[in-house]
């Protein structure tokens, strides 16, 4: 839960993480601590040499037929990225 004067959007977030550090759910609550939406990890399998959720589902609380699904096809972990990639100029005008 955030500090009373913290400039945040959510009143609380609740995480569920397995013992092997696999992220399972993240619930988002409003300032009245009413559940607003939840992000759920599905199809945990090997991706990029690690166990990782292949599918994520974001769903509003109490709305069964509306949701967003994100599915990873491939992941690469521990890849070296050049520092200039995160320079302000690169972030303003990204190159492919």
Protein backbone atom coordinates (compact mmCIF):
# COMPACT_ATOMS: atom_id res chain seq x y z
CA UNK A 1 0.00 0.00 0.00
CA UNK A 2 1.32 3.48 -0.81
CA UNK A 3 2.05 6.18 1.74
CA UNK A 4 -0.98 8.49 2.33
CA UNK A 5 0.50 11.44 0.37
CA UNK A 6 2.19 9.43 -2.40
CA UNK A 7 1.19 10.53 -5.93
CA UNK A 8 0.00 7.13 -7.16
CA UNK A 9 -2.91 5.84 -9.20
CA UNK A 10 -3.69 2.68 -7.22
CA UNK A 11 -4.82 2.40 -3.62
CA UNK A 12 -3.14 -0.99 -3.38
CA UNK A 13 -1.56 -3.68 -5.53
CA UNK A 14 -1.43 -7.32 -4.46
CA UNK A 15 1.07 -9.72 -6.04
CA UNK A 16 1.09 -13.50 -6.01
CA UNK A 17 4.52 -15.02 -6.74
CA UNK A 18 5.45 -18.70 -6.66
CA UNK A 19 8.28 -19.99 -4.48
CA UNK A 20 10.45 -20.27 -7.62
CA UNK A 21 9.85 -16.54 -8.29
CA UNK A 22 7.36 -17.03 -11.11
CA UNK A 23 4.93 -14.11 -11.17
CA UNK A 24 1.32 -15.41 -11.11
CA UNK A 25 -1.06 -12.49 -10.52
CA UNK A 26 -1.10 -8.76 -9.92
CA UNK A 27 -4.34 -7.24 -8.61
CA UNK A 28 -5.00 -3.52 -8.82
CA UNK A 29 -7.26 -1.85 -6.23
CA UNK A 30 -8.70 1.68 -6.25
CA UNK A 31 -8.37 4.15 -3.37
CA UNK A 32 -11.35 2.52 -1.62
CA UNK A 33 -9.53 -0.84 -1.87
CA UNK A 34 -12.06 -2.19 -4.38
CA UNK A 35 -10.58 -4.56 -6.96
CA UNK A 36 -10.40 -2.82 -10.37
CA UNK A 37 -8.51 -5.29 -12.56
CA UNK A 38 -6.12 -8.22 -12.45
CA UNK A 39 -3.17 -9.39 -14.53
CA UNK A 40 -2.90 -13.19 -14.57
CA UNK A 41 -0.04 -15.32 -15.88
CA UNK A 42 -1.04 -18.34 -17.98
CA UNK A 43 0.84 -21.15 -19.75
CA UNK A 44 4.08 -21.04 -17.78
CA UNK A 45 6.80 -22.68 -19.88
CA UNK A 46 10.41 -22.35 -21.02
CA UNK A 47 11.05 -19.14 -22.96
CA UNK A 48 14.53 -17.79 -23.58
CA UNK A 49 15.98 -20.55 -21.39
CA UNK A 50 13.84 -19.63 -18.36
CA UNK A 51 10.48 -20.60 -16.95
CA UNK A 52 8.24 -17.66 -17.80
CA UNK A 53 4.51 -17.04 -18.40
CA UNK A 54 3.93 -17.31 -22.15
CA UNK A 55 0.45 -15.79 -21.91
CA UNK A 56 -0.77 -12.89 -19.75
CA UNK A 57 -4.41 -11.89 -19.33
CA UNK A 58 -5.53 -8.44 -18.09
CA UNK A 59 -9.17 -8.37 -17.05
CA UNK A 60 -11.45 -5.84 -15.37
CA UNK A 61 -13.01 -7.02 -12.13
CA UNK A 62 -16.50 -8.40 -12.59
CA UNK A 63 -16.36 -8.29 -16.41
CA UNK A 64 -15.95 -11.82 -17.75
CA UNK A 65 -16.20 -11.20 -21.51
CA UNK A 66 -13.77 -8.27 -21.83
CA UNK A 67 -10.04 -8.78 -21.47
CA UNK A 68 -6.69 -8.26 -23.15
CA UNK A 69 -4.33 -11.16 -23.84
CA UNK A 70 -0.59 -10.79 -24.43
CA UNK A 71 1.22 -13.84 -25.82
CA UNK A 72 4.99 -14.06 -26.13
CA UNK A 73 6.27 -15.97 -29.17
CA UNK A 74 9.96 -15.67 -28.19
CA UNK A 75 11.99 -13.99 -25.43
CA UNK A 76 15.66 -13.12 -25.11
CA UNK A 77 17.05 -12.46 -21.63
CA UNK A 78 20.39 -10.93 -20.58
CA UNK A 79 21.02 -9.32 -23.96
CA UNK A 80 23.55 -6.49 -23.91
CA UNK A 81 22.00 -3.21 -25.05
CA UNK A 82 24.05 -0.12 -25.91
CA UNK A 83 23.76 2.76 -23.41
CA UNK A 84 22.88 5.15 -26.25
CA UNK A 85 19.63 3.23 -26.75
CA UNK A 86 18.27 4.90 -23.60
CA UNK A 87 19.60 8.40 -24.34
CA UNK A 88 16.89 11.05 -24.48
CA UNK A 89 17.54 11.64 -28.18
CA UNK A 90 17.07 7.92 -28.96
CA UNK A 91 13.88 7.76 -26.96
CA UNK A 92 12.45 10.77 -28.81
CA UNK A 93 13.39 9.49 -32.30
CA UNK A 94 13.66 5.70 -32.20
CA UNK A 95 15.50 3.93 -34.99
CA UNK A 96 14.76 0.46 -36.25
